[in-house]
């Protein structure tokens, strides 16, 4: 039975989709917010139906998370915008198909079935920069021939930084993706975990590679 995750905060829309998919022999599950969806992504899903306007985090944050994961189910976006540029941007961000609201269930069903026929998108298990590589099972960072165990939060931070080495990832984005904060927060969770991560990298002379860019965010790159 194909498992489908429905991330939709409109109870009527979610119920319509859930009921229709169940009648067609699928195993759907509904969540109304991004934080719960991010936790559920550790399970195996065959398709994800994702509304972009969620009450806690934008749906794009889930897309970004999936794009760095080794298991990558197809994503059908639900959007109220029919603008061409919006559609192009969604594809650039990694969605596999989109459906404009309001829609009829039969069209959604047809799109879900089409996505299930596509080959599973494979995302590399490793994010790599020079001789540093992030591995998923179990969570760890390989430097040369040595492996450093990482906590789940340290792993999530490294996945964002190593996914695009040299890119500055904002503090807000890190707090969104790793901790699920909807807005900028005064919490020091990020700073504490960065300190722990740098301490683990210090024996390899890599603690300085995790750089804080004032008023911008965090980046991982070889210091010049």
N, C-alpha and C. Protein backbone atom coordinates (compact mmCIF):
# COMPACT_ATOMS: atom_id res chain seq x y z
N UNK A 1 0.84 -1.19 0.00
CA UNK A 1 0.00 0.00 0.00
C UNK A 1 0.88 1.25 0.00
N UNK A 2 0.65 2.16 -0.93
CA UNK A 2 1.48 3.35 -1.07
C UNK A 2 1.11 4.37 0.02
N UNK A 3 2.15 4.86 0.70
CA UNK A 3 1.95 5.81 1.79
C UNK A 3 2.14 7.24 1.29
N UNK A 4 1.18 8.09 1.60
CA UNK A 4 1.21 9.47 1.11
C UNK A 4 1.05 10.42 2.29
N UNK A 5 1.99 11.35 2.41
CA UNK A 5 1.94 12.36 3.47
C UNK A 5 1.28 13.62 2.91
N UNK A 6 0.22 14.07 3.58
CA UNK A 6 -0.50 15.27 3.18
C UNK A 6 -0.17 16.37 4.19
N UNK A 7 0.50 17.42 3.74
CA UNK A 7 0.85 18.54 4.60
C UNK A 7 -0.04 19.71 4.20
N UNK A 8 -1.12 19.88 4.93
CA UNK A 8 -2.15 20.84 4.55
C UNK A 8 -2.89 21.31 5.81
N UNK A 9 -2.95 22.63 6.04
CA UNK A 9 -3.58 23.14 7.25
C UNK A 9 -5.07 23.45 7.09
N UNK A 10 -5.58 23.43 5.86
CA UNK A 10 -7.01 23.60 5.65
C UNK A 10 -7.68 22.24 5.89
N UNK A 11 -8.42 22.14 6.98
CA UNK A 11 -8.99 20.85 7.39
C UNK A 11 -9.91 20.27 6.33
N UNK A 12 -10.70 21.11 5.66
CA UNK A 12 -11.63 20.61 4.65
C UNK A 12 -10.89 20.04 3.45
N UNK A 13 -9.87 20.77 2.99
CA UNK A 13 -9.08 20.30 1.84
C UNK A 13 -8.34 19.01 2.20
N UNK A 14 -7.72 19.00 3.38
CA UNK A 14 -6.97 17.82 3.81
C UNK A 14 -7.88 16.60 3.92
N UNK A 15 -9.08 16.81 4.48
CA UNK A 15 -10.02 15.70 4.63
C UNK A 15 -10.50 15.18 3.28
N UNK A 16 -10.73 16.08 2.34
CA UNK A 16 -11.14 15.67 0.99
C UNK A 16 -10.07 14.80 0.34
N UNK A 17 -8.81 15.24 0.44
CA UNK A 17 -7.71 14.48 -0.16
C UNK A 17 -7.54 13.14 0.54
N UNK A 18 -7.55 13.18 1.87
CA UNK A 18 -7.33 11.96 2.65
C UNK A 18 -8.40 10.92 2.36
N UNK A 19 -9.66 11.34 2.36
CA UNK A 19 -10.77 10.42 2.12
C UNK A 19 -10.70 9.83 0.70
N UNK A 20 -10.43 10.70 -0.28
CA UNK A 20 -10.37 10.23 -1.66
C UNK A 20 -9.23 9.25 -1.89
N UNK A 21 -8.05 9.54 -1.33
CA UNK A 21 -6.91 8.64 -1.51
C UNK A 21 -7.14 7.30 -0.82
N UNK A 22 -7.75 7.35 0.36
CA UNK A 22 -8.02 6.09 1.07
C UNK A 22 -8.98 5.22 0.27
N UNK A 23 -9.99 5.85 -0.33
CA UNK A 23 -10.94 5.09 -1.14
C UNK A 23 -10.28 4.48 -2.37
N UNK A 24 -9.18 5.08 -2.82
CA UNK A 24 -8.45 4.57 -3.99
C UNK A 24 -7.38 3.56 -3.61
N UNK A 25 -7.31 3.20 -2.34
CA UNK A 25 -6.38 2.16 -1.92
C UNK A 25 -5.04 2.64 -1.41
N UNK A 26 -4.89 3.95 -1.20
CA UNK A 26 -3.64 4.48 -0.66
C UNK A 26 -3.71 4.54 0.87
N UNK A 27 -2.57 4.79 1.48
CA UNK A 27 -2.50 4.96 2.93
C UNK A 27 -2.04 6.39 3.23
N UNK A 28 -2.99 7.32 3.32
CA UNK A 28 -2.63 8.73 3.53
C UNK A 28 -2.54 9.08 5.01
N UNK A 29 -1.73 10.09 5.30
CA UNK A 29 -1.65 10.64 6.66
C UNK A 29 -1.60 12.16 6.55
N UNK A 30 -2.37 12.83 7.41
CA UNK A 30 -2.45 14.29 7.37
C UNK A 30 -1.65 14.90 8.51
N UNK A 31 -0.93 15.99 8.20
CA UNK A 31 -0.40 16.86 9.24
C UNK A 31 -0.67 18.30 8.80
N UNK A 32 -0.98 19.16 9.79
CA UNK A 32 -1.40 20.52 9.46
C UNK A 32 -0.29 21.54 9.61
N UNK A 33 0.92 21.10 9.99
CA UNK A 33 2.00 22.07 10.17
C UNK A 33 3.34 21.49 9.74
N UNK A 34 4.28 22.38 9.48
CA UNK A 34 5.58 21.98 8.94
C UNK A 34 6.45 21.29 9.98
N UNK A 35 6.36 21.71 11.25
CA UNK A 35 7.19 21.10 12.28
C UNK A 35 6.92 19.61 12.40
N UNK A 36 5.64 19.24 12.43
CA UNK A 36 5.29 17.82 12.51
C UNK A 36 5.72 17.11 11.22
N UNK A 37 5.53 17.77 10.09
CA UNK A 37 5.92 17.16 8.81
C UNK A 37 7.41 16.85 8.80
N UNK A 38 8.24 17.76 9.29
CA UNK A 38 9.68 17.53 9.30
C UNK A 38 10.03 16.31 10.15
N UNK A 39 9.31 16.11 11.25
CA UNK A 39 9.55 14.92 12.08
C UNK A 39 9.12 13.65 11.35
N UNK A 40 8.00 13.75 10.63
CA UNK A 40 7.47 12.57 9.94
C UNK A 40 8.30 12.17 8.73
N UNK A 41 9.14 13.07 8.24
CA UNK A 41 9.93 12.76 7.04
C UNK A 41 10.93 11.64 7.27
N UNK A 42 11.18 11.28 8.54
CA UNK A 42 12.08 10.16 8.81
C UNK A 42 11.46 8.83 8.40
N UNK A 43 10.14 8.81 8.21
CA UNK A 43 9.47 7.61 7.73
C UNK A 43 9.56 7.48 6.22
N UNK A 44 9.04 6.39 5.70
CA UNK A 44 9.10 6.15 4.26
C UNK A 44 7.77 6.56 3.63
N UNK A 45 7.82 7.51 2.71
CA UNK A 45 6.65 7.99 2.00
C UNK A 45 6.85 7.82 0.50
N UNK A 46 5.79 7.51 -0.20
CA UNK A 46 5.90 7.34 -1.65
C UNK A 46 5.63 8.63 -2.40
N UNK A 47 4.79 9.50 -1.83
CA UNK A 47 4.51 10.83 -2.39
C UNK A 47 4.23 11.77 -1.21
N UNK A 48 4.63 13.03 -1.36
CA UNK A 48 4.29 14.05 -0.38
C UNK A 48 3.46 15.12 -1.09
N UNK A 49 2.30 15.40 -0.55
CA UNK A 49 1.44 16.48 -1.05
C UNK A 49 1.62 17.65 -0.10
N UNK A 50 2.12 18.76 -0.62
CA UNK A 50 2.58 19.85 0.25
C UNK A 50 1.95 21.19 -0.10
N UNK A 51 1.22 21.75 0.87
CA UNK A 51 0.72 23.11 0.72
C UNK A 51 1.84 24.08 1.11
N UNK A 52 1.97 25.17 0.39
CA UNK A 52 3.05 26.11 0.68
C UNK A 52 2.74 27.02 1.85
N UNK A 53 1.47 27.33 2.06
CA UNK A 53 1.10 28.25 3.13
C UNK A 53 0.71 27.47 4.37
N UNK A 54 1.65 27.30 5.27
CA UNK A 54 1.43 26.57 6.51
C UNK A 54 1.52 27.55 7.68
N UNK A 55 0.91 27.23 8.81
CA UNK A 55 0.83 28.21 9.90
C UNK A 55 2.14 28.47 10.63
N UNK A 56 3.10 27.54 10.57
CA UNK A 56 4.32 27.72 11.35
C UNK A 56 5.54 28.04 10.50
N UNK A 57 5.73 27.30 9.41
CA UNK A 57 6.87 27.50 8.51
C UNK A 57 6.38 27.45 7.07
N UNK A 58 7.08 28.12 6.16
CA UNK A 58 6.70 28.00 4.75
C UNK A 58 6.98 26.59 4.22
N UNK A 59 6.14 26.14 3.30
CA UNK A 59 6.35 24.81 2.73
C UNK A 59 7.70 24.65 2.06
N UNK A 60 8.30 25.76 1.63
CA UNK A 60 9.62 25.70 0.98
C UNK A 60 10.68 25.13 1.92
N UNK A 61 10.49 25.30 3.24
CA UNK A 61 11.48 24.77 4.19
C UNK A 61 11.50 23.24 4.15
N UNK A 62 10.34 22.62 3.89
CA UNK A 62 10.28 21.17 3.77
C UNK A 62 10.95 20.73 2.47
N UNK A 63 10.74 21.48 1.40
CA UNK A 63 11.41 21.17 0.14
C UNK A 63 12.92 21.20 0.32
N UNK A 64 13.42 22.22 0.99
CA UNK A 64 14.86 22.36 1.19
C UNK A 64 15.41 21.19 2.00
N UNK A 65 14.67 20.80 3.02
CA UNK A 65 15.08 19.66 3.84
C UNK A 65 15.17 18.40 2.99
N UNK A 66 14.15 18.16 2.18
CA UNK A 66 14.12 16.96 1.35
C UNK A 66 15.25 16.94 0.34
N UNK A 67 15.63 18.10 -0.17
CA UNK A 67 16.65 18.16 -1.20
C UNK A 67 18.02 17.75 -0.70
N UNK A 68 18.19 17.70 0.63
CA UNK A 68 19.46 17.27 1.20
C UNK A 68 19.36 15.88 1.83
N UNK A 69 18.24 15.19 1.61
CA UNK A 69 18.06 13.88 2.21
C UNK A 69 18.36 12.80 1.20
N UNK A 70 18.77 11.63 1.70
CA UNK A 70 19.14 10.54 0.80
C UNK A 70 17.91 9.84 0.22
N UNK A 71 16.80 9.85 0.96
CA UNK A 71 15.56 9.27 0.43
C UNK A 71 14.67 10.43 0.01
N UNK A 72 14.34 10.49 -1.26
CA UNK A 72 13.67 11.67 -1.80
C UNK A 72 12.39 11.29 -2.53
N UNK A 73 11.25 11.22 -1.81
CA UNK A 73 9.99 10.94 -2.51
C UNK A 73 9.56 12.13 -3.35
N UNK A 74 8.77 11.90 -4.39
CA UNK A 74 8.28 13.03 -5.21
C UNK A 74 7.34 13.92 -4.41
N UNK A 75 7.37 15.21 -4.74
CA UNK A 75 6.57 16.21 -4.02
C UNK A 75 5.61 16.89 -4.98
N UNK A 76 4.32 16.85 -4.62
CA UNK A 76 3.28 17.56 -5.36
C UNK A 76 2.90 18.79 -4.54
N UNK A 77 3.15 19.97 -5.10
CA UNK A 77 2.87 21.22 -4.41
C UNK A 77 1.44 21.67 -4.68
N UNK A 78 0.77 22.13 -3.63
CA UNK A 78 -0.52 22.78 -3.77
C UNK A 78 -0.30 24.28 -3.61
N UNK A 79 -0.70 25.06 -4.60
CA UNK A 79 -0.45 26.49 -4.57
C UNK A 79 -1.65 27.26 -5.12
N UNK A 80 -1.86 28.45 -4.59
CA UNK A 80 -2.93 29.30 -5.09
C UNK A 80 -2.48 30.16 -6.25
N UNK A 81 -1.18 30.17 -6.52
CA UNK A 81 -0.64 31.03 -7.57
C UNK A 81 -0.48 30.28 -8.88
N UNK A 82 -0.99 30.88 -9.94
CA UNK A 82 -0.81 30.29 -11.26
C UNK A 82 0.23 31.01 -12.10
N UNK A 83 0.98 31.94 -11.47
CA UNK A 83 1.98 32.70 -12.19
C UNK A 83 3.10 31.79 -12.71
N UNK A 84 3.53 32.03 -13.92
CA UNK A 84 4.58 31.20 -14.52
C UNK A 84 5.86 31.25 -13.70
N UNK A 85 6.25 32.45 -13.24
CA UNK A 85 7.48 32.58 -12.47
C UNK A 85 7.40 31.79 -11.17
N UNK A 86 6.21 31.77 -10.54
CA UNK A 86 6.04 30.99 -9.32
C UNK A 86 6.25 29.51 -9.59
N UNK A 87 5.67 29.03 -10.69
CA UNK A 87 5.83 27.62 -11.04
C UNK A 87 7.29 27.28 -11.31
N UNK A 88 7.97 28.13 -12.06
CA UNK A 88 9.38 27.89 -12.37
C UNK A 88 10.22 27.86 -11.09
N UNK A 89 9.91 28.77 -10.17
CA UNK A 89 10.66 28.82 -8.92
C UNK A 89 10.42 27.55 -8.10
N UNK A 90 9.22 27.03 -8.11
CA UNK A 90 8.93 25.79 -7.39
C UNK A 90 9.75 24.63 -7.95
N UNK A 91 9.86 24.56 -9.27
CA UNK A 91 10.66 23.49 -9.87
C UNK A 91 12.14 23.68 -9.54
N UNK A 92 12.60 24.94 -9.52
CA UNK A 92 13.99 25.20 -9.15
C UNK A 92 14.27 24.75 -7.71
N UNK A 93 13.25 24.87 -6.87
CA UNK A 93 13.42 24.50 -5.47
C UNK A 93 13.27 23.00 -5.24
N UNK A 94 12.86 22.26 -6.28
CA UNK A 94 12.87 20.80 -6.15
C UNK A 94 11.52 20.11 -6.18
N UNK A 95 10.42 20.84 -6.44
CA UNK A 95 9.14 20.14 -6.50
C UNK A 95 9.07 19.32 -7.79
N UNK A 96 8.22 18.30 -7.79
CA UNK A 96 8.10 17.41 -8.95
C UNK A 96 6.87 17.73 -9.79
N UNK A 97 5.86 18.32 -9.15
CA UNK A 97 4.65 18.72 -9.86
C UNK A 97 3.91 19.72 -8.96
N UNK A 98 2.95 20.40 -9.54
CA UNK A 98 2.18 21.38 -8.77
C UNK A 98 0.73 21.31 -9.21
N UNK A 99 -0.16 21.75 -8.32
CA UNK A 99 -1.58 21.79 -8.63
C UNK A 99 -2.12 23.09 -8.05
N UNK A 100 -2.84 23.84 -8.89
CA UNK A 100 -3.34 25.14 -8.48
C UNK A 100 -4.69 24.99 -7.76
N UNK A 101 -4.81 25.63 -6.61
CA UNK A 101 -6.08 25.65 -5.89
C UNK A 101 -7.01 26.69 -6.50
N UNK A 102 -8.32 26.43 -6.52
CA UNK A 102 -8.99 25.18 -6.15
C UNK A 102 -8.80 24.12 -7.24
N UNK A 103 -8.91 22.88 -6.86
CA UNK A 103 -8.71 21.78 -7.81
C UNK A 103 -9.79 20.73 -7.58
N UNK A 104 -9.91 19.83 -8.54
CA UNK A 104 -10.82 18.69 -8.36
C UNK A 104 -9.98 17.48 -7.99
N UNK A 105 -10.55 16.60 -7.18
CA UNK A 105 -9.78 15.47 -6.66
C UNK A 105 -9.28 14.57 -7.78
N UNK A 106 -10.08 14.38 -8.83
CA UNK A 106 -9.65 13.46 -9.90
C UNK A 106 -8.34 13.90 -10.54
N UNK A 107 -8.14 15.22 -10.65
CA UNK A 107 -6.87 15.69 -11.22
C UNK A 107 -5.72 15.42 -10.25
N UNK A 108 -5.95 15.67 -8.96
CA UNK A 108 -4.91 15.37 -7.97
C UNK A 108 -4.55 13.89 -8.01
N UNK A 109 -5.56 13.05 -8.09
CA UNK A 109 -5.32 11.60 -8.13
C UNK A 109 -4.49 11.22 -9.35
N UNK A 110 -4.80 11.81 -10.50
CA UNK A 110 -4.05 11.51 -11.72
C UNK A 110 -2.59 11.94 -11.57
N UNK A 111 -2.36 13.08 -10.94
CA UNK A 111 -0.99 13.56 -10.77
C UNK A 111 -0.22 12.68 -9.78
N UNK A 112 -0.89 12.25 -8.72
CA UNK A 112 -0.25 11.34 -7.76
C UNK A 112 0.15 10.04 -8.44
N UNK A 113 -0.73 9.49 -9.23
CA UNK A 113 -0.42 8.24 -9.92
C UNK A 113 0.72 8.41 -10.92
N UNK A 114 0.76 9.57 -11.57
CA UNK A 114 1.86 9.83 -12.51
C UNK A 114 3.18 9.93 -11.76
N UNK A 115 3.17 10.55 -10.61
CA UNK A 115 4.41 10.66 -9.81
C UNK A 115 4.89 9.30 -9.35
N UNK A 116 3.97 8.42 -9.02
CA UNK A 116 4.34 7.09 -8.55
C UNK A 116 5.01 6.26 -9.65
N UNK A 117 4.77 6.62 -10.91
CA UNK A 117 5.38 5.88 -12.02
C UNK A 117 6.81 6.35 -12.31
N UNK A 118 7.16 7.52 -11.77
CA UNK A 118 8.50 8.03 -12.03
C UNK A 118 9.54 7.28 -11.20
N UNK A 119 10.75 7.16 -11.70
CA UNK A 119 11.83 6.59 -10.87
C UNK A 119 12.06 7.47 -9.65
N UNK A 120 12.36 6.84 -8.53
CA UNK A 120 12.65 7.58 -7.31
C UNK A 120 13.87 8.47 -7.51
N UNK A 121 13.74 9.73 -7.13
CA UNK A 121 14.87 10.65 -7.24
C UNK A 121 15.90 10.29 -6.17
N UNK A 122 17.10 10.01 -6.60
CA UNK A 122 18.16 9.63 -5.66
C UNK A 122 19.02 10.83 -5.35
N UNK A 123 19.12 11.13 -4.08
CA UNK A 123 20.00 12.19 -3.61
C UNK A 123 21.20 11.53 -2.95
N UNK A 124 22.42 11.92 -3.25
CA UNK A 124 23.58 11.25 -2.68
C UNK A 124 23.51 11.19 -1.15
N UNK A 125 23.97 10.05 -0.60
CA UNK A 125 24.03 9.90 0.85
C UNK A 125 25.04 10.85 1.46
N UNK A 126 25.99 11.32 0.68
CA UNK A 126 27.05 12.14 1.21
C UNK A 126 26.99 13.57 0.66
N UNK A 127 27.18 14.53 1.55
CA UNK A 127 27.49 15.89 1.15
C UNK A 127 28.98 16.04 1.38
N UNK A 128 29.71 16.50 0.40
CA UNK A 128 31.17 16.48 0.51
C UNK A 128 31.77 17.83 0.15
N UNK A 129 32.84 18.17 0.88
CA UNK A 129 33.62 19.37 0.59
C UNK A 129 35.07 19.04 0.89
N UNK A 130 35.91 19.10 -0.15
CA UNK A 130 37.30 18.68 -0.06
C UNK A 130 37.36 17.28 0.53
N UNK A 131 38.04 17.05 1.67
CA UNK A 131 38.11 15.68 2.20
C UNK A 131 37.15 15.48 3.37
N UNK A 132 36.13 16.37 3.47
CA UNK A 132 35.10 16.22 4.49
C UNK A 132 33.84 15.69 3.82
N UNK A 133 33.23 14.66 4.42
CA UNK A 133 32.02 14.08 3.84
C UNK A 133 31.04 13.76 4.96
N UNK A 134 29.80 14.12 4.75
CA UNK A 134 28.74 13.84 5.71
C UNK A 134 28.08 12.53 5.34
N UNK A 135 27.94 11.63 6.30
CA UNK A 135 27.31 10.34 6.04
C UNK A 135 26.07 10.22 6.92
N UNK A 136 25.08 9.51 6.38
CA UNK A 136 23.76 9.49 7.00
C UNK A 136 23.59 8.37 8.03
N UNK A 137 24.09 7.19 7.76
CA UNK A 137 23.81 6.03 8.62
C UNK A 137 25.10 5.35 9.07
N UNK A 138 25.46 5.50 10.36
CA UNK A 138 24.87 6.43 11.32
C UNK A 138 25.37 7.84 11.06
N UNK A 139 24.75 8.83 11.70
CA UNK A 139 25.13 10.23 11.48
C UNK A 139 26.59 10.46 11.84
N UNK A 140 27.33 11.02 10.91
CA UNK A 140 28.73 11.29 11.20
C UNK A 140 29.37 12.12 10.10
N UNK A 141 30.53 12.64 10.41
CA UNK A 141 31.31 13.44 9.47
C UNK A 141 32.66 12.76 9.29
N UNK A 142 33.00 12.43 8.05
CA UNK A 142 34.29 11.79 7.76
C UNK A 142 35.27 12.86 7.31
N UNK A 143 36.43 12.86 7.94
CA UNK A 143 37.53 13.73 7.52
C UNK A 143 38.73 12.82 7.23
N UNK A 144 39.11 12.74 5.97
CA UNK A 144 40.15 11.80 5.60
C UNK A 144 39.67 10.39 5.83
N UNK A 145 40.35 9.65 6.72
CA UNK A 145 39.94 8.29 7.04
C UNK A 145 39.38 8.18 8.45
N UNK A 146 39.05 9.31 9.06
CA UNK A 146 38.50 9.32 10.42
C UNK A 146 37.04 9.75 10.39
N UNK A 147 36.24 9.13 11.27
CA UNK A 147 34.83 9.49 11.34
C UNK A 147 34.51 10.12 12.69
N UNK A 148 33.80 11.24 12.64
CA UNK A 148 33.39 11.95 13.84
C UNK A 148 31.89 11.72 14.03
N UNK A 149 31.46 11.10 15.13
CA UNK A 149 30.02 10.96 15.37
C UNK A 149 29.37 12.32 15.59
N UNK A 150 28.16 12.49 15.08
CA UNK A 150 27.43 13.74 15.24
C UNK A 150 26.08 13.48 15.90
N UNK A 151 25.64 14.44 16.71
CA UNK A 151 24.28 14.38 17.23
C UNK A 151 23.32 14.70 16.10
N UNK A 152 22.02 14.39 16.26
CA UNK A 152 21.06 14.71 15.19
C UNK A 152 21.05 16.19 14.82
N UNK A 153 21.16 17.08 15.78
CA UNK A 153 21.16 18.52 15.48
C UNK A 153 22.45 18.92 14.78
N UNK A 154 23.58 18.41 15.22
CA UNK A 154 24.85 18.71 14.55
C UNK A 154 24.82 18.21 13.11
N UNK A 155 24.24 17.04 12.92
CA UNK A 155 24.13 16.48 11.57
C UNK A 155 23.27 17.37 10.68
N UNK A 156 22.13 17.84 11.23
CA UNK A 156 21.24 18.70 10.46
C UNK A 156 21.92 20.02 10.09
N UNK A 157 22.70 20.57 11.01
CA UNK A 157 23.46 21.80 10.73
C UNK A 157 24.48 21.55 9.62
N UNK A 158 25.23 20.46 9.76
CA UNK A 158 26.25 20.14 8.76
C UNK A 158 25.64 19.88 7.39
N UNK A 159 24.45 19.29 7.37
CA UNK A 159 23.81 18.99 6.09
C UNK A 159 23.49 20.28 5.34
N UNK A 160 23.04 21.29 6.07
CA UNK A 160 22.76 22.58 5.42
C UNK A 160 24.05 23.25 4.96
N UNK A 161 25.09 23.21 5.79
CA UNK A 161 26.34 23.89 5.46
C UNK A 161 27.12 23.17 4.36
N UNK A 162 27.19 21.84 4.46
CA UNK A 162 27.95 21.07 3.47
C UNK A 162 27.18 20.90 2.16
N UNK A 163 25.86 21.08 2.23
CA UNK A 163 25.07 20.96 1.00
C UNK A 163 25.48 21.99 -0.03
N UNK A 164 25.88 23.18 0.43
CA UNK A 164 26.33 24.25 -0.45
C UNK A 164 27.51 24.95 0.19
N UNK A 165 28.69 24.33 0.13
CA UNK A 165 29.87 24.92 0.78
C UNK A 165 30.14 26.33 0.29
N UNK A 166 30.48 27.20 1.21
CA UNK A 166 30.78 28.58 0.86
C UNK A 166 29.57 29.49 0.88
N UNK A 167 28.36 28.91 0.83
CA UNK A 167 27.16 29.73 0.88
C UNK A 167 26.88 30.12 2.33
N UNK A 168 26.47 31.35 2.54
CA UNK A 168 26.11 31.80 3.89
C UNK A 168 24.66 31.41 4.17
N UNK A 169 24.48 30.57 5.18
CA UNK A 169 23.15 30.15 5.60
C UNK A 169 22.74 31.03 6.77
N UNK A 170 21.62 31.70 6.64
CA UNK A 170 21.21 32.63 7.69
C UNK A 170 20.86 31.90 8.98
N UNK A 171 21.01 32.63 10.08
CA UNK A 171 20.64 32.08 11.39
C UNK A 171 19.16 31.71 11.40
N UNK A 172 18.34 32.53 10.77
CA UNK A 172 16.90 32.27 10.71
C UNK A 172 16.61 30.96 9.99
N UNK A 173 17.31 30.72 8.88
CA UNK A 173 17.08 29.48 8.12
C UNK A 173 17.51 28.27 8.92
N UNK A 174 18.64 28.38 9.62
CA UNK A 174 19.10 27.27 10.46
C UNK A 174 18.10 26.98 11.57
N UNK A 175 17.60 28.01 12.22
CA UNK A 175 16.62 27.81 13.29
C UNK A 175 15.31 27.24 12.74
N UNK A 176 14.92 27.66 11.52
CA UNK A 176 13.72 27.12 10.88
C UNK A 176 13.87 25.62 10.64
N UNK A 177 14.96 25.27 9.96
CA UNK A 177 15.10 23.90 9.47
C UNK A 177 15.49 22.91 10.56
N UNK A 178 16.38 23.32 11.46
CA UNK A 178 16.89 22.39 12.47
C UNK A 178 15.99 22.32 13.70
N UNK A 179 15.44 23.46 14.12
CA UNK A 179 14.63 23.49 15.34
C UNK A 179 13.16 23.78 15.10
N UNK A 180 12.80 24.20 13.90
CA UNK A 180 11.40 24.44 13.61
C UNK A 180 10.86 25.77 14.06
N UNK A 181 11.75 26.75 14.35
CA UNK A 181 11.28 28.07 14.74
C UNK A 181 10.71 28.80 13.53
N UNK A 182 9.52 29.39 13.71
CA UNK A 182 8.89 30.10 12.60
C UNK A 182 9.50 31.48 12.40
N UNK A 183 9.97 32.09 13.47
CA UNK A 183 10.53 33.44 13.40
C UNK A 183 11.92 33.45 14.04
N UNK A 184 12.64 34.55 13.80
CA UNK A 184 13.93 34.75 14.45
C UNK A 184 13.74 34.65 15.96
N UNK A 185 14.68 34.02 16.65
CA UNK A 185 14.54 33.80 18.08
C UNK A 185 15.83 34.19 18.79
N UNK A 186 15.69 34.56 20.06
CA UNK A 186 16.86 34.91 20.87
C UNK A 186 17.51 33.68 21.49
N UNK A 187 17.00 32.49 21.20
CA UNK A 187 17.58 31.28 21.77
C UNK A 187 19.06 31.13 21.38
N UNK A 188 19.84 30.52 22.26
CA UNK A 188 21.25 30.29 21.95
C UNK A 188 21.50 28.84 21.55
N UNK A 189 20.43 28.10 21.19
CA UNK A 189 20.59 26.70 20.78
C UNK A 189 21.62 26.57 19.65
N UNK A 190 21.50 27.44 18.65
CA UNK A 190 22.39 27.34 17.50
C UNK A 190 23.83 27.56 17.92
N UNK A 191 24.08 28.59 18.71
CA UNK A 191 25.45 28.90 19.12
C UNK A 191 26.05 27.76 19.95
N UNK A 192 25.24 27.16 20.82
CA UNK A 192 25.72 26.04 21.64
C UNK A 192 26.12 24.86 20.76
N UNK A 193 25.28 24.52 19.79
CA UNK A 193 25.58 23.37 18.92
C UNK A 193 26.74 23.67 17.99
N UNK A 194 26.87 24.91 17.55
CA UNK A 194 28.03 25.27 16.73
C UNK A 194 29.32 25.15 17.54
N UNK A 195 29.26 25.54 18.81
CA UNK A 195 30.44 25.42 19.67
C UNK A 195 30.83 23.96 19.83
N UNK A 196 29.84 23.08 20.02
CA UNK A 196 30.12 21.64 20.14
C UNK A 196 30.71 21.09 18.84
N UNK A 197 30.15 21.54 17.72
CA UNK A 197 30.62 21.07 16.42
C UNK A 197 32.07 21.52 16.18
N UNK A 198 32.36 22.76 16.48
CA UNK A 198 33.74 23.26 16.30
C UNK A 198 34.72 22.50 17.20
N UNK A 199 34.27 22.16 18.40
CA UNK A 199 35.14 21.41 19.32
C UNK A 199 35.48 20.04 18.73
N UNK A 200 34.50 19.41 18.07
CA UNK A 200 34.76 18.10 17.45
C UNK A 200 35.70 18.23 16.25
N UNK A 201 35.66 19.39 15.58
CA UNK A 201 36.51 19.60 14.40
C UNK A 201 37.91 20.07 14.77
N UNK A 202 38.09 20.55 16.00
CA UNK A 202 39.37 21.16 16.39
C UNK A 202 40.56 20.21 16.25
N UNK A 203 40.46 18.94 16.66
CA UNK A 203 41.62 18.05 16.50
C UNK A 203 42.08 17.87 15.06
N UNK A 204 41.23 18.20 14.11
CA UNK A 204 41.56 18.07 12.70
C UNK A 204 41.94 19.41 12.07
N UNK A 205 41.96 20.45 12.91
CA UNK A 205 42.27 21.78 12.41
C UNK A 205 41.17 22.36 11.54
N UNK A 206 39.94 21.92 11.75
CA UNK A 206 38.84 22.36 10.89
C UNK A 206 37.83 23.22 11.64
N UNK A 207 38.06 23.52 12.90
CA UNK A 207 37.09 24.31 13.65
C UNK A 207 36.89 25.69 13.02
N UNK A 208 37.95 26.23 12.42
CA UNK A 208 37.85 27.54 11.78
C UNK A 208 37.13 27.52 10.45
N UNK A 209 36.82 26.34 9.95
CA UNK A 209 36.10 26.24 8.68
C UNK A 209 34.62 26.58 8.84
N UNK A 210 34.09 26.39 10.06
CA UNK A 210 32.71 26.78 10.34
C UNK A 210 32.75 28.24 10.79
N UNK A 211 32.42 29.13 9.87
CA UNK A 211 32.63 30.55 10.10
C UNK A 211 31.32 31.30 10.30
N UNK A 212 31.33 32.19 11.28
CA UNK A 212 30.20 33.08 11.52
C UNK A 212 30.44 34.38 10.78
N UNK A 213 29.53 34.73 9.90
CA UNK A 213 29.62 35.98 9.15
C UNK A 213 28.68 36.99 9.81
N UNK A 214 29.25 38.02 10.38
CA UNK A 214 28.48 38.96 11.18
C UNK A 214 27.28 39.53 10.42
N UNK A 215 26.13 39.50 11.09
CA UNK A 215 24.87 40.02 10.54
C UNK A 215 24.39 39.29 9.30
N UNK A 216 24.99 38.12 9.01
CA UNK A 216 24.58 37.37 7.81
C UNK A 216 24.22 35.93 8.12
N UNK A 217 25.11 35.20 8.78
CA UNK A 217 24.81 33.80 9.08
C UNK A 217 26.07 32.97 9.24
N UNK A 218 25.98 31.71 8.86
CA UNK A 218 27.06 30.75 9.04
C UNK A 218 27.43 30.17 7.68
N UNK A 219 28.71 29.94 7.49
CA UNK A 219 29.16 29.29 6.26
C UNK A 219 30.25 28.28 6.59
N UNK A 220 30.41 27.31 5.72
CA UNK A 220 31.48 26.34 5.89
C UNK A 220 32.37 26.40 4.66
N UNK A 221 33.61 26.79 4.88
CA UNK A 221 34.58 26.86 3.78
C UNK A 221 35.98 26.98 4.36
N UNK A 222 36.97 26.65 3.56
CA UNK A 222 38.36 26.78 3.98
C UNK A 222 38.70 28.27 4.15
N UNK A 223 39.22 28.66 5.32
CA UNK A 223 39.57 30.06 5.51
C UNK A 223 40.66 30.49 4.53
N UNK A 224 40.58 31.70 4.05
CA UNK A 224 41.58 32.22 3.11
C UNK A 224 42.77 32.77 3.88
